[in-house]
Protein backbone atom coordinates (compact mmCIF):
# COMPACT_ATOMS: atom_id res chain seq x y z
CA UNK A 1 -0.02 0.13 0.03
CA UNK A 2 1.36 3.36 -0.99
CA UNK A 3 1.32 6.55 0.59
CA UNK A 4 2.82 9.13 -1.45
CA UNK A 5 4.46 12.02 0.63
CA UNK A 6 5.16 13.95 -2.55
CA UNK A 7 1.56 13.79 -3.44
CA UNK A 8 0.54 15.06 -0.02
CA UNK A 9 2.94 17.87 -0.31
CA UNK A 10 1.53 18.93 -3.83
CA UNK A 11 -2.12 18.39 -2.69
CA UNK A 12 -1.26 20.72 0.31
CA UNK A 13 -0.26 23.58 -2.01
CA UNK A 14 -3.79 23.24 -4.02
CA UNK A 15 -5.83 25.29 -1.43
CA UNK A 16 -3.37 28.33 -1.45
CA UNK A 17 -2.87 28.03 -5.35
CA UNK A 18 -6.68 27.77 -6.36
CA UNK A 19 -7.29 30.19 -3.42
CA UNK A 20 -5.26 32.93 -5.51
CA UNK A 21 -7.36 32.25 -8.72
CA UNK A 22 -10.92 31.57 -7.00
CA UNK A 23 -10.57 34.44 -4.66
CA UNK A 24 -8.92 37.07 -7.48
CA UNK A 25 -11.20 40.01 -8.19
CA UNK A 26 -11.61 38.79 -11.98
CA UNK A 27 -12.92 35.45 -10.67
CA UNK A 28 -15.00 35.61 -7.53
CA UNK A 29 -13.07 37.88 -5.23
CA UNK A 30 -14.99 40.93 -5.70
CA UNK A 31 -18.21 39.10 -5.19
CA UNK A 32 -16.75 37.52 -2.19
CA UNK A 33 -15.40 40.66 -0.59
CA UNK A 34 -18.96 42.28 -1.26
CA UNK A 35 -20.83 39.30 0.11
CA UNK A 36 -18.43 39.10 3.31
CA UNK A 37 -18.61 42.80 3.82
CA UNK A 38 -14.84 43.01 3.73
CA UNK A 39 -13.03 46.06 2.07
CA UNK A 40 -9.62 45.74 0.36
CA UNK A 41 -8.56 48.25 3.18
CA UNK A 42 -9.41 45.59 5.79
CA UNK A 43 -7.86 42.92 3.87
CA UNK A 44 -4.58 44.76 3.56
CA UNK A 45 -4.59 45.15 7.28
CA UNK A 46 -4.37 41.44 8.15
CA UNK A 47 -1.18 39.87 9.08
CA UNK A 48 -0.57 38.08 5.78
CA UNK A 49 2.20 36.02 6.82
CA UNK A 50 0.31 34.78 9.73
CA UNK A 51 -2.63 33.90 7.50
CA UNK A 52 -0.86 32.48 4.66
CA UNK A 53 1.26 30.34 7.19
CA UNK A 54 -1.65 28.96 9.26
CA UNK A 55 -3.51 28.29 5.85
CA UNK A 56 -0.52 26.19 4.90
CA UNK A 57 -0.54 24.53 8.06
CA UNK A 58 -4.30 23.48 7.67
CA UNK A 59 -3.92 22.71 4.16
CA UNK A 60 -1.35 19.89 5.48
CA UNK A 61 -3.45 18.83 8.09
CA UNK A 62 -6.09 18.34 5.16
CA UNK A 63 -3.83 16.71 2.84
CA UNK A 64 -2.91 14.11 5.51
CA UNK A 65 -6.33 13.17 5.98
CA UNK A 66 -7.59 12.84 2.21
CA UNK A 67 -5.82 9.75 1.63
CA UNK A 68 -8.32 7.76 4.21
CA UNK A 69 -11.16 9.36 1.78
CA UNK A 70 -9.83 8.55 -1.80
CA UNK A 71 -7.65 5.54 -1.53
CA UNK A 72 -9.65 2.53 -0.19
CA UNK A 73 -6.69 0.50 0.64
CA UNK A 74 -6.33 2.83 3.62
CA UNK A 75 -9.61 1.36 5.04
CA UNK A 76 -7.84 -2.21 5.17
CA UNK A 77 -5.08 -0.66 6.84
CA UNK A 78 -7.42 0.64 9.43
CA UNK A 79 -9.37 -2.64 9.77
CA UNK A 80 -6.31 -4.81 10.17
CA UNK A 81 -4.77 -2.07 12.71
CA UNK A 82 -1.50 -2.15 10.35
CA UNK A 83 -1.14 -5.81 10.23
CA UNK A 84 -1.15 -6.65 6.36
CA UNK A 85 0.52 -9.88 6.71
CA UNK A 86 -2.76 -12.13 7.31
CA UNK A 87 -3.73 -14.61 4.53
CA UNK A 88 -7.23 -12.93 4.09
CA UNK A 89 -5.69 -9.47 3.75
CA UNK A 90 -3.07 -10.69 1.35
CA UNK A 91 -5.70 -11.88 -0.77
CA UNK A 92 -7.98 -9.14 -0.73
CA UNK A 93 -5.09 -6.81 -1.17
CA UNK A 94 -3.84 -8.84 -4.21
CA UNK A 95 -7.22 -8.70 -5.87
CA UNK A 96 -8.08 -5.03 -5.25
CA UNK A 97 -5.00 -2.92 -4.36
CA UNK A 98 -4.66 -0.18 -6.67
CA UNK A 99 -7.90 -0.90 -8.57
CA UNK A 100 -9.43 2.47 -7.93
CA UNK A 101 -6.17 4.59 -7.87
CA UNK A 102 -6.66 7.23 -10.36
CA UNK A 103 -7.03 10.91 -10.85
CA UNK A 104 -10.72 10.36 -12.04
CA UNK A 105 -11.73 8.43 -8.81
CA UNK A 106 -9.76 10.67 -6.37
CA UNK A 107 -11.49 13.63 -8.07
CA UNK A 108 -14.74 12.04 -7.58
CA UNK A 109 -14.29 11.26 -3.55
CA UNK A 110 -12.67 14.42 -3.27
CA UNK A 111 -15.47 16.43 -4.80
CA UNK A 112 -17.83 14.26 -2.87
CA UNK A 113 -16.15 15.14 0.51
CA UNK A 114 -16.51 18.82 -0.70
CA UNK A 115 -20.32 18.19 -1.52
CA UNK A 116 -21.02 16.36 1.68
CA UNK A 117 -18.79 17.58 4.50
CA UNK A 118 -17.68 21.32 3.51
CA UNK A 119 -20.95 22.44 2.04
CA UNK A 120 -22.96 21.57 4.94
CA UNK A 121 -20.56 22.91 7.20
CA UNK A 122 -20.16 26.27 5.52
CA UNK A 123 -23.75 26.48 4.78
CA UNK A 124 -24.75 25.93 8.51
CA UNK A 125 -21.97 28.64 9.62
CA UNK A 126 -23.28 30.95 6.92
CA UNK A 127 -26.70 30.74 8.03
CA UNK A 128 -25.89 31.67 11.59
CA UNK A 129 -23.63 34.31 10.58
CA UNK A 130 -26.34 35.73 8.24
CA UNK A 131 -24.27 35.24 5.23
CA UNK A 132 -26.03 35.29 1.87
CA UNK A 133 -26.36 32.06 -0.29
CA UNK A 134 -23.95 33.60 -2.93
CA UNK A 135 -21.25 33.79 -0.14
CA UNK A 136 -21.93 30.31 0.93
CA UNK A 137 -21.77 28.83 -2.45
CA UNK A 138 -18.60 30.95 -3.40
CA UNK A 139 -16.98 29.45 -0.54
CA UNK A 140 -18.41 26.13 -0.69
CA UNK A 141 -17.66 25.89 -4.47
CA UNK A 142 -14.00 26.55 -3.60
CA UNK A 143 -13.89 23.68 -1.28
CA UNK A 144 -15.45 21.36 -3.55
CA UNK A 145 -13.20 22.30 -6.46
CA UNK A 146 -10.37 22.21 -3.90
CA UNK A 147 -10.99 18.71 -2.17
CA UNK A 148 -11.51 17.18 -5.86
CA UNK A 149 -8.14 18.39 -7.06
CA UNK A 150 -6.28 17.32 -3.89
CA UNK A 151 -8.23 13.90 -4.01
CA UNK A 152 -7.14 13.46 -7.56
CA UNK A 153 -3.51 14.08 -6.89
CA UNK A 154 -3.47 11.98 -3.81
CA UNK A 155 -5.12 8.92 -5.45
CA UNK A 156 -3.72 9.33 -8.90
CA UNK A 157 -0.18 10.14 -8.09
CA UNK A 158 1.93 6.91 -8.02
């Protein structure tokens, strides 16, 4: 069972790279600022090294968890407590290991994680914070796309 740390590192960079694109004023940035009630002056006053540094730390935490969502063999590892030398486990892995390790399959599961985890969490927060649906969908859309790309990288990179 492969656990590719290079893929984890590359996937952890996706939220920052995609964020630069997604929240660019020419894409969704202007609408996001308007819906968030944030001005450019407020953004410029932020401690950007701290914000980007912590964002990168959180992206690494997320990237380390994604294999459990997109690599099905991780479930076998968990069920056997890491003991992969049993005959049943060996037979199962011989037949199924790597069968669903593709960029497409990873993107599917990553996107599903965004849709079924990120969207409900962000929507719940947004409703209580009295944010608009536009605001919620801008942020949720970002995480759905982000997790799909991260899942694709982690599942497909061999």
